[in-house]
């Protein structure tokens, strides 16, 4: 998820949109671009904002609001944010821009105290009239669902990169499960667990699930790279991948945790750490409920008023 903005810039540029070309240039020079769009209580995600964006005389905007799960909080040098303008002639709009670290009004609340993912330190960020100059404002969008390429790019890159992380957790959990099965013995015959039919079935089931997930992830990532046209089913593919990745990774981790025995329950164990990390998958968008609604609509059409 820490590579979202560079991925977005790449997807847009491939479509002939060079509005974020500077992101790729600066990232190559060592700037760290962080994702600061998430807000408490904003279920509309990219289609609305609880952050205020006040226009400035020089074309810039002053942002005031709260951003949560700010990736790379201790280290970012550029933070992507968005906010909503006050109604002008009855029209509100969403304004996207990049905050430079050290700007006046940026406050990091060191509140990252989670069960897992401790190293990421995705603290809350408070914005108090933080001015983003005109040259760092890169998008004006209407409030509500819209088909702007930026929206698709953010969603596509976020879901795919996130899925890759959880697929990696599943891969490592499977490797540890196999190791535990070979090291531990069970029963009076002192056979390795790997020689027990029911354990072999569990490992086989986990391996087949990871093979399927790996193929799905590679397929979606390849289609994004190649610019494949899935039309209205793109979002269904993306949420389906995310849900599949987080679900399978957790199931495979459970197998590893089971085969580790009591030592897996120690806080310092690797399989235990992976267990704490994989639990976070349910909190990343899209949720299970939202994903199923998206996929059902893609295949069955929208719900009717009746």
Foldseek 3Di string as FASTA:
>chain_A
DQCLLVQLCVLCVVVVHNLCVVVVVVVVVPAGEKEFEAAPPPPVRPQAAPWEWDADPQQKTFIFGKTFLIWQVVHHQKYKYKHWYDDDVNFIKIWIFIAGPPFPQKDWDQPPDALAPSVRSRTMIGGDRGIGGNSGTRDIGGRDDDDPSSVVSSLLSVLLVLLVVLLVLLVVLLVLLVVLQQPAADDPVRDRNCPDVVLVVLSVVLVVLSVVLVVLSVVSVVCSVVVPDPDLCNLLSSQVSLVSSLVSSLSSLVSSLVSNPPVSCDPPDPSVNSNRVSVCSCVDPPHPVVSVQSNCCSVPNHDDPD
